[in-house]
Amino acid sequence: MDSCLFCRIANHEVPSDILYEDDSIVAFRDISPQAPVHFLVIPKKHINNIMEIEESDKELLGNILFNAQKIAKTEGCEEKGARFVLNCKTDGGQTVGHLHLHVLGKRMLYWPPG
C-alpha cells in the first residue's frame, strides 16, 4: 500500500528509529512517546487491523509478540514490566490503518487507560 505510513516505514521510505528488523517485521520508536519506552512492532505485510488476520498469519503474530518482549527486556522493562497494546479500528483507538503493537514501559501505567 503506497499511501500507508507504516508500509512506507517498513520499506525504509520514511525515516524511523528502528530497533529491530527481520524478514517479516519491523520495530521502531514511537514518534510521540507516551512513556519513557514506547515502540511499535509492525508486520511488513499490510494487515489493516487485528480483525483482519488470517490463519496463515499465526506465525507472523507469534514473531511480533516474541520480538516485542525481547526488545522490551533490552529497553529495561523486564523487572517492572510493560504494557503491550493492539488498538483496533475507530472505537479501539487505532489511528494508523496498519496492524501495530504498542509497547510502553519504564513508568507506571494505570487501568483503565482513560
PDB file of N, CA and C in Angstrom:
ATOM      1  N   MET A   1       0.834  -1.178   0.000  1.00  0.00           N
ATOM      2  CA  MET A   1       0.000   0.000   0.000  1.00  0.00           C
ATOM      3  C   MET A   1       0.882   1.245   0.000  1.00  0.00           C
ATOM      4  N   ASP A   2       0.904   1.925  -1.099  1.00  0.00           N
ATOM      5  CA  ASP A   2       1.785   3.073  -1.271  1.00  0.00           C
ATOM      6  C   ASP A   2       1.523   4.202  -0.289  1.00  0.00           C
ATOM      7  N   SER A   3       0.266   4.403   0.112  1.00  0.00           N
ATOM      8  CA  SER A   3      -0.058   5.536   0.975  1.00  0.00           C
ATOM      9  C   SER A   3       0.019   5.209   2.463  1.00  0.00           C
ATOM     10  N   CYS A   4       0.215   3.944   2.816  1.00  0.00           N
ATOM     11  CA  CYS A   4       0.247   3.545   4.224  1.00  0.00           C
ATOM     12  C   CYS A   4       1.577   3.965   4.859  1.00  0.00           C
ATOM     13  N   LEU A   5       1.491   4.792   5.900  1.00  0.00           N
ATOM     14  CA  LEU A   5       2.695   5.270   6.584  1.00  0.00           C
ATOM     15  C   LEU A   5       3.566   4.121   7.073  1.00  0.00           C
ATOM     16  N   PHE A   6       2.960   3.115   7.700  1.00  0.00           N
ATOM     17  CA  PHE A   6       3.763   2.035   8.264  1.00  0.00           C
ATOM     18  C   PHE A   6       4.359   1.139   7.179  1.00  0.00           C
ATOM     19  N   CYS A   7       3.680   0.975   6.063  1.00  0.00           N
ATOM     20  CA  CYS A   7       4.280   0.248   4.934  1.00  0.00           C
ATOM     21  C   CYS A   7       5.502   1.019   4.432  1.00  0.00           C
ATOM     22  N   ARG A   8       5.381   2.330   4.392  1.00  0.00           N
ATOM     23  CA  ARG A   8       6.491   3.163   3.942  1.00  0.00           C
ATOM     24  C   ARG A   8       7.662   3.093   4.926  1.00  0.00           C
ATOM     25  N   ILE A   9       7.378   3.024   6.222  1.00  0.00           N
ATOM     26  CA  ILE A   9       8.444   2.838   7.210  1.00  0.00           C
ATOM     27  C   ILE A   9       9.101   1.474   7.014  1.00  0.00           C
ATOM     28  N   ALA A  10       8.285   0.440   6.842  1.00  0.00           N
ATOM     29  CA  ALA A  10       8.818  -0.921   6.646  1.00  0.00           C
ATOM     30  C   ALA A  10       9.679  -1.015   5.394  1.00  0.00           C
ATOM     31  N   ASN A  11       9.372  -0.208   4.393  1.00  0.00           N
ATOM     32  CA  ASN A  11      10.137  -0.190   3.139  1.00  0.00           C
ATOM     33  C   ASN A  11      11.290   0.818   3.163  1.00  0.00           C
ATOM     34  N   HIS A  12      11.536   1.419   4.320  1.00  0.00           N
ATOM     35  CA  HIS A  12      12.614   2.401   4.503  1.00  0.00           C
ATOM     36  C   HIS A  12      12.441   3.635   3.629  1.00  0.00           C
ATOM     37  N   GLU A  13      11.195   3.982   3.334  1.00  0.00           N
ATOM     38  CA  GLU A  13      10.900   5.194   2.566  1.00  0.00           C
ATOM     39  C   GLU A  13      10.686   6.388   3.491  1.00  0.00           C
ATOM     40  N   VAL A  14      10.401   6.122   4.755  1.00  0.00           N
ATOM     41  CA  VAL A  14      10.210   7.151   5.770  1.00  0.00           C
ATOM     42  C   VAL A  14      11.201   6.870   6.889  1.00  0.00           C
ATOM     43  N   PRO A  15      12.004   7.843   7.279  1.00  0.00           N
ATOM     44  CA  PRO A  15      12.987   7.605   8.339  1.00  0.00           C
ATOM     45  C   PRO A  15      12.307   7.257   9.670  1.00  0.00           C
ATOM     46  N   SER A  16      12.924   6.357  10.399  1.00  0.00           N
ATOM     47  CA  SER A  16      12.445   5.998  11.732  1.00  0.00           C
ATOM     48  C   SER A  16      13.607   5.442  12.536  1.00  0.00           C
ATOM     49  N   ASP A  17      13.426   5.417  13.845  1.00  0.00           N
ATOM     50  CA  ASP A  17      14.448   4.891  14.750  1.00  0.00           C
ATOM     51  C   ASP A  17      14.178   3.398  14.935  1.00  0.00           C
ATOM     52  N   ILE A  18      14.735   2.596  14.046  1.00  0.00           N
ATOM     53  CA  ILE A  18      14.466   1.158  14.023  1.00  0.00           C
ATOM     54  C   ILE A  18      15.255   0.460  15.128  1.00  0.00           C
ATOM     55  N   LEU A  19      14.537  -0.327  15.905  1.00  0.00           N
ATOM     56  CA  LEU A  19      15.130  -1.104  16.995  1.00  0.00           C
ATOM     57  C   LEU A  19      15.407  -2.540  16.588  1.00  0.00           C
ATOM     58  N   TYR A  20      14.602  -3.054  15.656  1.00  0.00           N
ATOM     59  CA  TYR A  20      14.732  -4.448  15.239  1.00  0.00           C
ATOM     60  C   TYR A  20      14.070  -4.607  13.880  1.00  0.00           C
ATOM     61  N   GLU A  21      14.627  -5.492  13.073  1.00  0.00           N
ATOM     62  CA  GLU A  21      14.016  -5.822  11.791  1.00  0.00           C
ATOM     63  C   GLU A  21      14.429  -7.223  11.389  1.00  0.00           C
ATOM     64  N   ASP A  22      13.488  -7.952  10.808  1.00  0.00           N
ATOM     65  CA  ASP A  22      13.799  -9.225  10.179  1.00  0.00           C
ATOM     66  C   ASP A  22      12.989  -9.303   8.889  1.00  0.00           C
ATOM     67  N   ASP A  23      12.843 -10.483   8.321  1.00  0.00           N
ATOM     68  CA  ASP A  23      12.151 -10.608   7.036  1.00  0.00           C
ATOM     69  C   ASP A  23      10.666 -10.259   7.096  1.00  0.00           C
ATOM     70  N   SER A  24      10.054 -10.350   8.280  1.00  0.00           N
ATOM     71  CA  SER A  24       8.600 -10.164   8.341  1.00  0.00           C
ATOM     72  C   SER A  24       8.112  -9.027   9.231  1.00  0.00           C
ATOM     73  N   ILE A  25       8.985  -8.457  10.072  1.00  0.00           N
ATOM     74  CA  ILE A  25       8.540  -7.397  10.990  1.00  0.00           C
ATOM     75  C   ILE A  25       9.571  -6.284  11.112  1.00  0.00           C
ATOM     76  N   VAL A  26       9.104  -5.138  11.610  1.00  0.00           N
ATOM     77  CA  VAL A  26       9.978  -4.006  11.935  1.00  0.00           C
ATOM     78  C   VAL A  26       9.504  -3.452  13.277  1.00  0.00           C
ATOM     79  N   ALA A  27      10.447  -3.114  14.138  1.00  0.00           N
ATOM     80  CA  ALA A  27      10.140  -2.455  15.406  1.00  0.00           C
ATOM     81  C   ALA A  27      10.856  -1.109  15.411  1.00  0.00           C
ATOM     82  N   PHE A  28      10.132  -0.059  15.814  1.00  0.00           N
ATOM     83  CA  PHE A  28      10.710   1.277  15.809  1.00  0.00           C
ATOM     84  C   PHE A  28      10.101   2.112  16.927  1.00  0.00           C
ATOM     85  N   ARG A  29      10.833   3.133  17.349  1.00  0.00           N
ATOM     86  CA  ARG A  29      10.364   4.015  18.425  1.00  0.00           C
ATOM     87  C   ARG A  29       9.183   4.853  17.937  1.00  0.00           C
ATOM     88  N   ASP A  30       8.212   5.061  18.823  1.00  0.00           N
ATOM     89  CA  ASP A  30       7.065   5.898  18.516  1.00  0.00           C
ATOM     90  C   ASP A  30       7.517   7.357  18.425  1.00  0.00           C
ATOM     91  N   ILE A  31       6.999   8.093  17.444  1.00  0.00           N
ATOM     92  CA  ILE A  31       7.417   9.491  17.278  1.00  0.00           C
ATOM     93  C   ILE A  31       6.757  10.417  18.300  1.00  0.00           C
ATOM     94  N   SER A  32       5.737   9.919  18.987  1.00  0.00           N
ATOM     95  CA  SER A  32       5.075  10.703  20.031  1.00  0.00           C
ATOM     96  C   SER A  32       4.948   9.829  21.283  1.00  0.00           C
ATOM     97  N   PRO A  33       6.069   9.545  21.930  1.00  0.00           N
ATOM     98  CA  PRO A  33       6.062   8.568  23.026  1.00  0.00           C
ATOM     99  C   PRO A  33       5.190   8.986  24.205  1.00  0.00           C
ATOM    100  N   GLN A  34       4.475   7.999  24.732  1.00  0.00           N
ATOM    101  CA  GLN A  34       3.601   8.196  25.883  1.00  0.00           C
ATOM    102  C   GLN A  34       4.208   7.629  27.164  1.00  0.00           C
ATOM    103  N   ALA A  35       5.428   7.150  27.064  1.00  0.00           N
ATOM    104  CA  ALA A  35       6.167   6.599  28.198  1.00  0.00           C
ATOM    105  C   ALA A  35       7.652   6.671  27.840  1.00  0.00           C
ATOM    106  N   PRO A  36       8.542   6.563  28.826  1.00  0.00           N
ATOM    107  CA  PRO A  36       9.977   6.595  28.520  1.00  0.00           C
ATOM    108  C   PRO A  36      10.392   5.537  27.491  1.00  0.00           C
ATOM    109  N   VAL A  37       9.747   4.376  27.543  1.00  0.00           N
ATOM    110  CA  VAL A  37       9.917   3.372  26.496  1.00  0.00           C
ATOM    111  C   VAL A  37       8.587   3.296  25.769  1.00  0.00           C
ATOM    112  N   HIS A  38       8.600   3.546  24.472  1.00  0.00           N
ATOM    113  CA  HIS A  38       7.390   3.422  23.654  1.00  0.00           C
ATOM    114  C   HIS A  38       7.827   3.124  22.233  1.00  0.00           C
ATOM    115  N   PHE A  39       7.595   1.887  21.838  1.00  0.00           N
ATOM    116  CA  PHE A  39       7.934   1.490  20.479  1.00  0.00           C
ATOM    117  C   PHE A  39       6.787   0.692  19.881  1.00  0.00           C
ATOM    118  N   LEU A  40       6.820   0.568  18.562  1.00  0.00           N
ATOM    119  CA  LEU A  40       5.809  -0.173  17.817  1.00  0.00           C
ATOM    120  C   LEU A  40       6.469  -1.349  17.131  1.00  0.00           C
ATOM    121  N   VAL A  41       5.729  -2.429  17.003  1.00  0.00           N
ATOM    122  CA  VAL A  41       6.169  -3.576  16.215  1.00  0.00           C
ATOM    123  C   VAL A  41       5.091  -3.810  15.162  1.00  0.00           C
ATOM    124  N   ILE A  42       5.502  -3.819  13.898  1.00  0.00           N
ATOM    125  CA  ILE A  42       4.559  -3.961  12.798  1.00  0.00           C
ATOM    126  C   ILE A  42       4.964  -5.111  11.880  1.00  0.00           C
ATOM    127  N   PRO A  43       3.977  -5.728  11.239  1.00  0.00           N
ATOM    128  CA  PRO A  43       4.328  -6.687  10.193  1.00  0.00           C
ATOM    129  C   PRO A  43       4.686  -5.916   8.920  1.00  0.00           C
ATOM    130  N   LYS A  44       5.594  -6.441   8.138  1.00  0.00           N
ATOM    131  CA  LYS A  44       5.886  -5.835   6.838  1.00  0.00           C
ATOM    132  C   LYS A  44       4.712  -6.058   5.887  1.00  0.00           C
ATOM    133  N   LYS A  45       4.015  -7.152   6.061  1.00  0.00           N
ATOM    134  CA  LYS A  45       2.797  -7.425   5.290  1.00  0.00           C
ATOM    135  C   LYS A  45       1.720  -6.454   5.753  1.00  0.00           C
ATOM    136  N   HIS A  46       1.036  -5.821   4.818  1.00  0.00           N
ATOM    137  CA  HIS A  46      -0.031  -4.901   5.208  1.00  0.00           C
ATOM    138  C   HIS A  46      -1.257  -5.691   5.668  1.00  0.00           C
ATOM    139  N   ILE A  47      -1.606  -5.491   6.927  1.00  0.00           N
ATOM    140  CA  ILE A  47      -2.839  -6.006   7.515  1.00  0.00           C
ATOM    141  C   ILE A  47      -3.472  -4.790   8.175  1.00  0.00           C
ATOM    142  N   ASN A  48      -4.703  -4.469   7.839  1.00  0.00           N
ATOM    143  CA  ASN A  48      -5.332  -3.250   8.362  1.00  0.00           C
ATOM    144  C   ASN A  48      -5.425  -3.240   9.875  1.00  0.00           C
ATOM    145  N   ASN A  49      -5.856  -4.342  10.474  1.00  0.00           N
ATOM    146  CA  ASN A  49      -6.054  -4.396  11.918  1.00  0.00           C
ATOM    147  C   ASN A  49      -6.171  -5.845  12.365  1.00  0.00           C
ATOM    148  N   ILE A  50      -6.246  -6.054  13.655  1.00  0.00           N
ATOM    149  CA  ILE A  50      -6.263  -7.403  14.226  1.00  0.00           C
ATOM    150  C   ILE A  50      -7.487  -8.203  13.776  1.00  0.00           C
ATOM    151  N   MET A  51      -8.582  -7.522  13.419  1.00  0.00           N
ATOM    152  CA  MET A  51      -9.789  -8.208  12.963  1.00  0.00           C
ATOM    153  C   MET A  51      -9.624  -8.812  11.576  1.00  0.00           C
ATOM    154  N   GLU A  52      -8.539  -8.479  10.896  1.00  0.00           N
ATOM    155  CA  GLU A  52      -8.334  -8.961   9.532  1.00  0.00           C
ATOM    156  C   GLU A  52      -7.223 -10.000   9.404  1.00  0.00           C
ATOM    157  N   ILE A  53      -6.735 -10.499  10.541  1.00  0.00           N
ATOM    158  CA  ILE A  53      -5.700 -11.534  10.441  1.00  0.00           C
ATOM    159  C   ILE A  53      -6.325 -12.832   9.929  1.00  0.00           C
ATOM    160  N   GLU A  54      -5.503 -13.631   9.306  1.00  0.00           N
ATOM    161  CA  GLU A  54      -5.927 -14.917   8.757  1.00  0.00           C
ATOM    162  C   GLU A  54      -5.149 -16.030   9.446  1.00  0.00           C
ATOM    163  N   GLU A  55      -5.596 -17.241   9.266  1.00  0.00           N
ATOM    164  CA  GLU A  55      -4.912 -18.378   9.884  1.00  0.00           C
ATOM    165  C   GLU A  55      -3.445 -18.424   9.477  1.00  0.00           C
ATOM    166  N   SER A  56      -3.166 -18.035   8.252  1.00  0.00           N
ATOM    167  CA  SER A  56      -1.781 -18.054   7.765  1.00  0.00           C
ATOM    168  C   SER A  56      -0.905 -17.002   8.464  1.00  0.00           C
ATOM    169  N   ASP A  57      -1.502 -16.096   9.231  1.00  0.00           N
ATOM    170  CA  ASP A  57      -0.742 -15.052   9.931  1.00  0.00           C
ATOM    171  C   ASP A  57      -0.322 -15.455  11.343  1.00  0.00           C
ATOM    172  N   LYS A  58      -0.659 -16.664  11.787  1.00  0.00           N
ATOM    173  CA  LYS A  58      -0.357 -17.057  13.171  1.00  0.00           C
ATOM    174  C   LYS A  58       1.134 -16.992  13.479  1.00  0.00           C
ATOM    175  N   GLU A  59       1.969 -17.459  12.600  1.00  0.00           N
ATOM    176  CA  GLU A  59       3.415 -17.420  12.838  1.00  0.00           C
ATOM    177  C   GLU A  59       3.917 -15.978  12.873  1.00  0.00           C
ATOM    178  N   LEU A  60       3.384 -15.148  12.002  1.00  0.00           N
ATOM    179  CA  LEU A  60       3.741 -13.734  11.972  1.00  0.00           C
ATOM    180  C   LEU A  60       3.409 -13.056  13.293  1.00  0.00           C
ATOM    181  N   LEU A  61       2.225 -13.313  13.833  1.00  0.00           N
ATOM    182  CA  LEU A  61       1.828 -12.708  15.104  1.00  0.00           C
ATOM    183  C   LEU A  61       2.696 -13.206  16.252  1.00  0.00           C
ATOM    184  N   GLY A  62       3.069 -14.481  16.217  1.00  0.00           N
ATOM    185  CA  GLY A  62       3.993 -15.003  17.219  1.00  0.00           C
ATOM    186  C   GLY A  62       5.335 -14.302  17.144  1.00  0.00           C
ATOM    187  N   ASN A  63       5.798 -14.029  15.941  1.00  0.00           N
ATOM    188  CA  ASN A  63       7.069 -13.323  15.757  1.00  0.00           C
ATOM    189  C   ASN A  63       6.981 -11.900  16.318  1.00  0.00           C
ATOM    190  N   ILE A  64       5.844 -11.241  16.089  1.00  0.00           N
ATOM    191  CA  ILE A  64       5.645  -9.889  16.628  1.00  0.00           C
ATOM    192  C   ILE A  64       5.730  -9.920  18.152  1.00  0.00           C
ATOM    193  N   LEU A  65       4.981 -10.813  18.778  1.00  0.00           N
ATOM    194  CA  LEU A  65       4.962 -10.873  20.247  1.00  0.00           C
ATOM    195  C   LEU A  65       6.302 -11.287  20.829  1.00  0.00           C
ATOM    196  N   PHE A  66       6.920 -12.298  20.245  1.00  0.00           N
ATOM    197  CA  PHE A  66       8.197 -12.778  20.767  1.00  0.00           C
ATOM    198  C   PHE A  66       9.250 -11.676  20.730  1.00  0.00           C
ATOM    199  N   ASN A  67       9.349 -10.992  19.600  1.00  0.00           N
ATOM    200  CA  ASN A  67      10.368  -9.946  19.489  1.00  0.00           C
ATOM    201  C   ASN A  67      10.012  -8.704  20.284  1.00  0.00           C
ATOM    202  N   ALA A  68       8.729  -8.425  20.454  1.00  0.00           N
ATOM    203  CA  ALA A  68       8.316  -7.293  21.292  1.00  0.00           C
ATOM    204  C   ALA A  68       8.803  -7.479  22.723  1.00  0.00           C
ATOM    205  N   GLN A  69       8.648  -8.670  23.270  1.00  0.00           N
ATOM    206  CA  GLN A  69       9.098  -8.889  24.648  1.00  0.00           C
ATOM    207  C   GLN A  69      10.621  -8.877  24.740  1.00  0.00           C
ATOM    208  N   LYS A  70      11.300  -9.363  23.714  1.00  0.00           N
ATOM    209  CA  LYS A  70      12.769  -9.303  23.713  1.00  0.00           C
ATOM    210  C   LYS A  70      13.254  -7.858  23.715  1.00  0.00           C
ATOM    211  N   ILE A  71      12.643  -7.030  22.872  1.00  0.00           N
ATOM    212  CA  ILE A  71      13.039  -5.624  22.801  1.00  0.00           C
ATOM    213  C   ILE A  71      12.702  -4.920  24.117  1.00  0.00           C
ATOM    214  N   ALA A  72      11.523  -5.208  24.676  1.00  0.00           N
ATOM    215  CA  ALA A  72      11.130  -4.605  25.958  1.00  0.00           C
ATOM    216  C   ALA A  72      12.165  -4.921  27.036  1.00  0.00           C
ATOM    217  N   LYS A  73      12.647  -6.143  27.062  1.00  0.00           N
ATOM    218  CA  LYS A  73      13.689  -6.510  28.026  1.00  0.00           C
ATOM    219  C   LYS A  73      14.965  -5.708  27.770  1.00  0.00           C
ATOM    220  N   THR A  74      15.362  -5.603  26.518  1.00  0.00           N
ATOM    221  CA  THR A  74      16.554  -4.836  26.152  1.00  0.00           C
ATOM    222  C   THR A  74      16.415  -3.373  26.550  1.00  0.00           C
ATOM    223  N   GLU A  75      15.192  -2.856  26.481  1.00  0.00           N
ATOM    224  CA  GLU A  75      14.916  -1.453  26.819  1.00  0.00           C
ATOM    225  C   GLU A  75      14.766  -1.232  28.328  1.00  0.00           C
ATOM    226  N   GLY A  76      14.931  -2.286  29.120  1.00  0.00           N
ATOM    227  CA  GLY A  76      14.929  -2.150  30.567  1.00  0.00           C
ATOM    228  C   GLY A  76      13.594  -2.387  31.250  1.00  0.00           C
ATOM    229  N   CYS A  77      12.682  -3.072  30.578  1.00  0.00           N
ATOM    230  CA  CYS A  77      11.338  -3.286  31.133  1.00  0.00           C
ATOM    231  C   CYS A  77      11.145  -4.658  31.780  1.00  0.00           C
ATOM    232  N   GLU A  78      12.169  -5.479  31.831  1.00  0.00           N
ATOM    233  CA  GLU A  78      11.992  -6.848  32.326  1.00  0.00           C
ATOM    234  C   GLU A  78      11.567  -6.886  33.789  1.00  0.00           C
ATOM    235  N   GLU A  79      12.193  -6.098  34.635  1.00  0.00           N
ATOM    236  CA  GLU A  79      11.920  -6.193  36.071  1.00  0.00           C
ATOM    237  C   GLU A  79      10.514  -5.714  36.435  1.00  0.00           C
ATOM    238  N   LYS A  80      10.108  -4.555  35.947  1.00  0.00           N
ATOM    239  CA  LYS A  80       8.823  -3.979  36.360  1.00  0.00           C
ATOM    240  C   LYS A  80       7.708  -4.177  35.343  1.00  0.00           C
ATOM    241  N   GLY A  81       8.033  -4.645  34.139  1.00  0.00           N
ATOM    242  CA  GLY A  81       7.006  -4.937  33.148  1.00  0.00           C
ATOM    243  C   GLY A  81       6.755  -3.808  32.167  1.00  0.00           C
ATOM    244  N   ALA A  82       5.761  -4.025  31.317  1.00  0.00           N
ATOM    245  CA  ALA A  82       5.407  -3.080  30.258  1.00  0.00           C
ATOM    246  C   ALA A  82       3.976  -3.357  29.834  1.00  0.00           C
ATOM    247  N   ARG A  83       3.421  -2.463  29.063  1.00  0.00           N
ATOM    248  CA  ARG A  83       2.083  -2.662  28.500  1.00  0.00           C
ATOM    249  C   ARG A  83       2.236  -2.957  27.009  1.00  0.00           C
ATOM    250  N   PHE A  84       1.549  -3.991  26.556  1.00  0.00           N
ATOM    251  CA  PHE A  84       1.538  -4.407  25.161  1.00  0.00           C
ATOM    252  C   PHE A  84       0.110  -4.190  24.657  1.00  0.00           C
ATOM    253  N   VAL A  85      -0.063  -3.318  23.640  1.00  0.00           N
ATOM    254  CA  VAL A  85      -1.401  -2.887  23.230  1.00  0.00           C
ATOM    255  C   VAL A  85      -1.584  -3.019  21.723  1.00  0.00           C
ATOM    256  N   LEU A  86      -2.721  -3.633  21.338  1.00  0.00           N
ATOM    257  CA  LEU A  86      -3.154  -3.660  19.939  1.00  0.00           C
ATOM    258  C   LEU A  86      -4.472  -2.897  19.854  1.00  0.00           C
ATOM    259  N   ASN A  87      -4.449  -1.679  19.335  1.00  0.00           N
ATOM    260  CA  ASN A  87      -5.681  -0.928  19.125  1.00  0.00           C
ATOM    261  C   ASN A  87      -6.316  -1.405  17.823  1.00  0.00           C
ATOM    262  N   CYS A  88      -7.661  -1.364  17.764  1.00  0.00           N
ATOM    263  CA  CYS A  88      -8.350  -1.867  16.576  1.00  0.00           C
ATOM    264  C   CYS A  88      -9.504  -0.953  16.183  1.00  0.00           C
ATOM    265  N   LYS A  89      -9.402  -0.407  15.017  1.00  0.00           N
ATOM    266  CA  LYS A  89     -10.421   0.440  14.409  1.00  0.00           C
ATOM    267  C   LYS A  89     -10.709   1.685  15.259  1.00  0.00           C
ATOM    268  N   THR A  90     -11.714   2.441  14.873  1.00  0.00           N
ATOM    269  CA  THR A  90     -12.001   3.733  15.494  1.00  0.00           C
ATOM    270  C   THR A  90     -12.292   3.625  16.988  1.00  0.00           C
ATOM    271  N   ASP A  91     -13.223   2.759  17.370  1.00  0.00           N
ATOM    272  CA  ASP A  91     -13.580   2.649  18.783  1.00  0.00           C
ATOM    273  C   ASP A  91     -12.438   2.117  19.633  1.00  0.00           C
ATOM    274  N   GLY A  92     -11.527   1.384  19.037  1.00  0.00           N
ATOM    275  CA  GLY A  92     -10.379   0.864  19.765  1.00  0.00           C
ATOM    276  C   GLY A  92      -9.208   1.827  19.823  1.00  0.00           C
ATOM    277  N   GLY A  93      -9.347   2.984  19.178  1.00  0.00           N
ATOM    278  CA  GLY A  93      -8.294   3.993  19.232  1.00  0.00           C
ATOM    279  C   GLY A  93      -7.207   3.853  18.182  1.00  0.00           C
ATOM    280  N   GLN A  94      -7.439   3.033  17.151  1.00  0.00           N
ATOM    281  CA  GLN A  94      -6.427   2.860  16.105  1.00  0.00           C
ATOM    282  C   GLN A  94      -6.397   4.107  15.221  1.00  0.00           C
ATOM    283  N   THR A  95      -5.202   4.685  15.037  1.00  0.00           N
ATOM    284  CA  THR A  95      -5.072   5.896  14.237  1.00  0.00           C
ATOM    285  C   THR A  95      -4.324   5.682  12.925  1.00  0.00           C
ATOM    286  N   VAL A  96      -3.631   4.576  12.786  1.00  0.00           N
ATOM    287  CA  VAL A  96      -2.962   4.233  11.529  1.00  0.00           C
ATOM    288  C   VAL A  96      -3.520   2.883  11.088  1.00  0.00           C
ATOM    289  N   GLY A  97      -4.007   2.816   9.861  1.00  0.00           N
ATOM    290  CA  GLY A  97      -4.638   1.604   9.347  1.00  0.00           C
ATOM    291  C   GLY A  97      -3.646   0.545   8.923  1.00  0.00           C
ATOM    292  N   HIS A  98      -2.837   0.110   9.863  1.00  0.00           N
ATOM    293  CA  HIS A  98      -1.865  -0.974   9.653  1.00  0.00           C
ATOM    294  C   HIS A  98      -1.680  -1.606  11.035  1.00  0.00           C
ATOM    295  N   LEU A  99      -1.844  -2.892  11.136  1.00  0.00           N
ATOM    296  CA  LEU A  99      -1.690  -3.588  12.407  1.00  0.00           C
ATOM    297  C   LEU A  99      -0.384  -3.175  13.077  1.00  0.00           C
ATOM    298  N   HIS A 100      -0.450  -2.795  14.346  1.00  0.00           N
ATOM    299  CA  HIS A 100       0.764  -2.439  15.074  1.00  0.00           C
ATOM    300  C   HIS A 100       0.570  -2.675  16.563  1.00  0.00           C
ATOM    301  N   LEU A 101       1.608  -3.191  17.166  1.00  0.00           N
ATOM    302  CA  LEU A 101       1.646  -3.450  18.598  1.00  0.00           C
ATOM    303  C   LEU A 101       2.435  -2.332  19.263  1.00  0.00           C
ATOM    304  N   HIS A 102       1.793  -1.621  20.197  1.00  0.00           N
ATOM    305  CA  HIS A 102       2.483  -0.624  21.007  1.00  0.00           C
ATOM    306  C   HIS A 102       3.081  -1.333  22.213  1.00  0.00           C
ATOM    307  N   VAL A 103       4.295  -0.984  22.574  1.00  0.00           N
ATOM    308  CA  VAL A 103       4.905  -1.441  23.822  1.00  0.00           C
ATOM    309  C   VAL A 103       5.336  -0.202  24.581  1.00  0.00           C
ATOM    310  N   LEU A 104       4.807  -0.059  25.808  1.00  0.00           N
ATOM    311  CA  LEU A 104       5.090   1.100  26.649  1.00  0.00           C
ATOM    312  C   LEU A 104       5.631   0.628  27.981  1.00  0.00           C
ATOM    313  N   GLY A 105       6.667   1.309  28.466  1.00  0.00           N
ATOM    314  CA  GLY A 105       7.231   0.915  29.742  1.00  0.00           C
ATOM    315  C   GLY A 105       8.089   1.987  30.373  1.00  0.00           C
ATOM    316  N   LYS A 106       8.642   1.639  31.524  1.00  0.00           N
ATOM    317  CA  LYS A 106       9.523   2.489  32.334  1.00  0.00           C
ATOM    318  C   LYS A 106       8.757   3.613  33.020  1.00  0.00           C
ATOM    319  N   ARG A 107       7.437   3.436  33.190  1.00  0.00           N
ATOM    320  CA  ARG A 107       6.641   4.307  34.050  1.00  0.00           C
ATOM    321  C   ARG A 107       5.389   3.522  34.431  1.00  0.00           C
ATOM    322  N   MET A 108       4.760   3.919  35.523  1.00  0.00           N
ATOM    323  CA  MET A 108       3.536   3.267  35.980  1.00  0.00           C
ATOM    324  C   MET A 108       2.401   3.590  35.017  1.00  0.00           C
ATOM    325  N   LEU A 109       1.734   2.561  34.531  1.00  0.00           N
ATOM    326  CA  LEU A 109       0.586   2.708  33.637  1.00  0.00           C
ATOM    327  C   LEU A 109      -0.654   2.203  34.370  1.00  0.00           C
ATOM    328  N   TYR A 110      -1.680   3.002  34.381  1.00  0.00           N
ATOM    329  CA  TYR A 110      -2.877   2.698  35.167  1.00  0.00           C
ATOM    330  C   TYR A 110      -3.964   2.098  34.298  1.00  0.00           C
ATOM    331  N   TRP A 111      -4.938   1.467  34.955  1.00  0.00           N
ATOM    332  CA  TRP A 111      -6.088   0.871  34.277  1.00  0.00           C
ATOM    333  C   TRP A 111      -7.361   1.339  34.956  1.00  0.00           C
ATOM    334  N   PRO A 112      -8.379   1.736  34.238  1.00  0.00           N
ATOM    335  CA  PRO A 112      -8.404   1.814  32.776  1.00  0.00           C
ATOM    336  C   PRO A 112      -7.555   2.958  32.265  1.00  0.00           C
ATOM    337  N   PRO A 113      -7.131   2.860  30.995  1.00  0.00           N
ATOM    338  CA  PRO A 113      -6.193   3.842  30.463  1.00  0.00           C
ATOM    339  C   PRO A 113      -6.778   5.242  30.292  1.00  0.00           C
ATOM    340  N   GLY A 114      -8.077   5.415  30.226  1.00  0.00           N
ATOM    341  CA  GLY A 114      -8.602   6.764  30.142  1.00  0.00           C
ATOM    342  C   GLY A 114      -9.632   6.993  29.106  1.00  0.00           C
TER     343      GLY A 114
END
